[in-house]
Protein backbone atom coordinates (compact mmCIF):
# COMPACT_ATOMS: atom_id res chain seq x y z
CA MET A 1 107.44 105.58 141.62
CA LYS A 2 107.00 103.51 138.45
CA PRO A 3 106.73 105.37 135.16
CA GLU A 4 103.42 104.72 133.46
CA LYS A 5 103.71 102.56 130.33
CA GLN A 6 102.64 104.47 127.25
CA GLU A 7 100.42 102.49 124.89
CA THR A 8 100.93 102.90 121.17
CA LEU A 9 98.44 102.21 118.43
CA LYS A 10 99.53 101.57 114.88
CA ARG A 11 97.93 103.56 112.09
CA GLY A 12 95.92 100.65 110.61
CA ALA A 13 94.57 99.61 114.03
CA PHE A 14 93.67 103.21 114.82
CA LEU A 15 91.70 103.62 111.58
CA ARG A 16 89.90 100.32 112.08
CA SER A 17 89.04 101.35 115.65
CA LEU A 18 87.25 104.39 114.23
CA GLY A 19 84.87 102.04 112.42
CA LEU A 20 85.75 103.27 108.96
CA SER A 21 84.27 101.28 106.09
CA THR A 22 86.43 99.25 103.74
CA SER A 23 85.87 101.92 101.08
CA ALA A 24 87.09 104.67 103.39
CA LEU A 25 90.14 102.63 104.35
CA MET A 26 90.89 101.94 100.68
CA ALA A 27 90.59 105.64 99.85
CA TYR A 28 92.95 106.43 102.73
CA TYR A 29 95.37 103.73 101.62
CA CYS A 30 95.33 104.71 97.93
CA LEU A 31 95.34 108.48 98.32
CA GLY A 32 97.94 108.57 101.05
CA THR A 33 98.19 111.02 103.88
CA THR A 34 100.54 113.29 105.71
CA MET A 35 100.36 110.89 108.69
CA SER A 36 103.21 108.80 107.29
CA SER A 37 105.32 109.40 110.39
CA CYS A 38 102.68 107.74 112.61
CA GLY A 39 103.76 104.18 111.84
CA SER A 40 105.53 101.90 109.48
CA LYS A 41 104.30 100.95 106.03
CA SER A 42 103.73 97.39 107.26
CA ASP A 43 100.80 98.37 109.47
CA ASP A 44 98.81 100.02 106.67
CA PRO A 45 95.32 98.61 106.32
CA SER A 46 94.94 96.35 103.33
CA PRO A 47 91.23 95.75 102.81
CA GLY A 48 91.84 94.18 99.43
CA GLY A 49 94.35 91.70 100.78
CA ASN A 50 97.99 91.74 99.79
CA GLY A 51 99.31 88.59 101.37
CA ASN A 52 99.46 90.03 104.89
CA GLY A 53 98.11 86.88 106.53
CA ASP A 54 94.48 87.78 105.88
CA GLY A 55 93.79 84.78 103.63
CA ILE A 56 93.97 86.75 100.36
CA SER A 57 96.95 87.45 98.13
CA GLY A 58 96.96 89.36 94.87
CA THR A 59 94.82 92.05 93.25
CA THR A 60 91.13 92.05 94.19
CA THR A 61 90.01 95.25 92.45
CA GLY A 62 90.26 96.94 89.07
CA ASN A 63 90.68 95.59 85.55
CA ALA A 64 93.41 93.06 86.38
CA VAL A 65 91.79 90.97 89.12
CA ASN A 66 94.09 88.09 90.01
CA PHE A 67 94.01 86.79 93.57
CA THR A 68 94.22 83.62 95.60
CA ILE A 69 92.03 82.74 98.56
CA ASP A 70 93.40 80.55 101.35
CA LEU A 71 90.38 78.37 102.14
CA THR A 72 92.05 77.16 105.34
CA ASN A 73 92.01 80.73 106.72
CA GLY A 74 89.23 81.20 109.29
CA THR A 75 87.71 84.11 107.37
CA TYR A 76 87.36 82.12 104.15
CA SER A 77 87.01 78.51 105.36
CA PRO A 78 83.19 78.85 105.25
CA LEU A 79 83.60 78.98 101.45
CA LYS A 80 84.10 75.21 101.63
CA THR A 81 80.42 74.89 102.59
CA ALA A 82 77.82 74.81 99.81
CA GLY A 83 75.70 77.96 99.91
CA ALA A 84 78.41 80.24 101.35
CA TYR A 85 79.73 83.39 99.69
CA ARG A 86 82.10 86.28 100.34
CA VAL A 87 82.59 89.65 98.67
CA ILE A 88 86.31 90.14 98.12
CA GLY A 89 87.33 93.45 96.57
CA ASP A 90 85.27 93.85 93.38
CA VAL A 91 84.32 90.16 93.26
CA LEU A 92 81.53 88.03 94.76
CA VAL A 93 82.80 84.47 95.28
CA ALA A 94 80.25 81.76 96.07
CA PHE A 95 80.33 78.02 96.63
CA THR A 96 76.95 77.28 95.12
CA THR A 97 74.40 74.75 96.27
CA ASN A 98 75.53 72.73 93.21
CA SER A 99 78.95 72.50 94.95
CA THR A 100 80.71 74.57 92.29
CA TYR A 101 82.59 77.82 92.73
CA VAL A 102 81.58 80.97 90.86
CA ALA A 103 83.12 84.43 90.83
CA LEU A 104 81.20 87.41 89.45
CA SER A 105 81.25 91.17 89.68
CA LYS A 106 79.96 92.22 93.09
CA ALA A 107 78.19 95.31 91.67
CA CYS A 108 74.69 95.23 90.27
CA THR A 109 74.71 96.51 86.69
CA HIS A 110 71.67 98.67 87.46
CA GLU A 111 73.00 101.10 90.09
CA GLY A 112 76.15 99.43 91.40
CA PHE A 113 74.80 98.13 94.72
CA THR A 114 76.62 95.16 96.24
CA LEU A 115 75.03 91.86 95.31
CA ARG A 116 74.60 88.75 97.40
CA TYR A 117 74.35 85.06 96.68
CA ARG A 118 71.05 83.41 97.61
CA ASP A 119 71.51 79.75 98.35
CA SER A 120 67.74 79.22 98.54
CA SER A 121 67.42 80.09 94.82
CA ASN A 122 71.03 79.42 93.77
CA ASP A 123 71.24 82.88 92.19
CA ILE A 124 72.69 86.36 92.64
CA PHE A 125 70.38 89.03 94.04
CA CYS A 126 70.35 92.81 94.45
CA SER A 127 68.26 93.80 97.45
CA ASN A 128 68.05 97.43 96.30
CA HIS A 129 65.69 97.03 93.32
CA GLY A 130 65.20 93.25 93.16
CA SER A 131 67.47 92.43 90.22
CA GLU A 132 68.32 88.76 89.87
CA PHE A 133 71.16 87.08 87.99
CA THR A 134 71.98 83.45 87.31
CA ILE A 135 75.19 82.04 88.75
CA ALA A 136 76.54 82.33 85.19
CA GLY A 137 75.96 86.12 85.37
CA ALA A 138 72.96 86.32 83.01
CA VAL A 139 70.07 88.63 83.83
CA GLN A 140 67.26 86.56 85.32
CA LYS A 141 64.99 89.40 86.42
CA ARG A 142 65.19 93.11 85.68
CA PRO A 143 65.05 95.60 88.55
CA ASP A 144 61.67 96.69 89.95
CA THR A 145 62.18 100.02 88.16
CA GLY A 146 61.82 98.22 84.80
CA ASP A 147 65.22 99.44 83.59
CA ASN A 148 67.25 97.24 81.29
CA ILE A 149 70.46 95.90 82.78
CA SER A 150 73.42 93.94 81.47
CA ALA A 151 74.90 90.63 82.56
CA LEU A 152 77.50 90.44 85.32
CA LYS A 153 81.20 90.10 84.60
CA VAL A 154 82.29 86.50 85.22
CA TYR A 155 85.77 85.69 86.50
CA LYS A 156 87.76 82.48 85.98
CA ILE A 157 88.06 80.13 88.96
CA SER A 158 90.73 77.55 89.65
CA LEU A 159 90.65 75.27 92.70
CA SER A 160 93.88 73.65 93.86
CA SER A 161 94.05 69.84 93.78
CA ASP A 162 93.99 69.70 97.60
CA GLY A 163 90.94 72.02 97.72
CA ASN A 164 92.68 74.53 100.00
CA THR A 165 93.26 77.47 97.63
CA LEU A 166 91.02 79.12 95.12
CA THR A 167 92.41 81.42 92.41
CA VAL A 168 90.25 84.08 90.74
CA THR A 169 91.40 85.80 87.54
CA THR A 170 89.99 88.03 84.80
């Protein structure tokens, strides 16, 4: 009689299998847990990217944003196509239809909803109340509620000479 092989599931894989959002995983990661004996530190989920082979290295959230995107990584290689964008941590990164990179705060200054880049208008849009921002972060259209809003925070962008890495800093 052969003993049955016991399958093990690392902590990060287990949490992802539950379908937890990136925010929930970040809260788990930052706040810690008493489940520390369930796996090694190396299998902790890292939704913000810490150089664990996910195409992002550095700090993607908070006041000291400073990260590098590997544009050869399958997740981020679409950013080499004009009109593509990704939300990475607190930052929306887009390769505009003008073939330039921009990095802005991902949160609408009205109520904090996650913004998206619209390639059809080459602008930043909040689908919650219709706010619109230029790719330079300026308010283009106030929300449908009529509230005043402020411009988006703009981050510095640096593209490597070979075009394979993009660095975003405050």
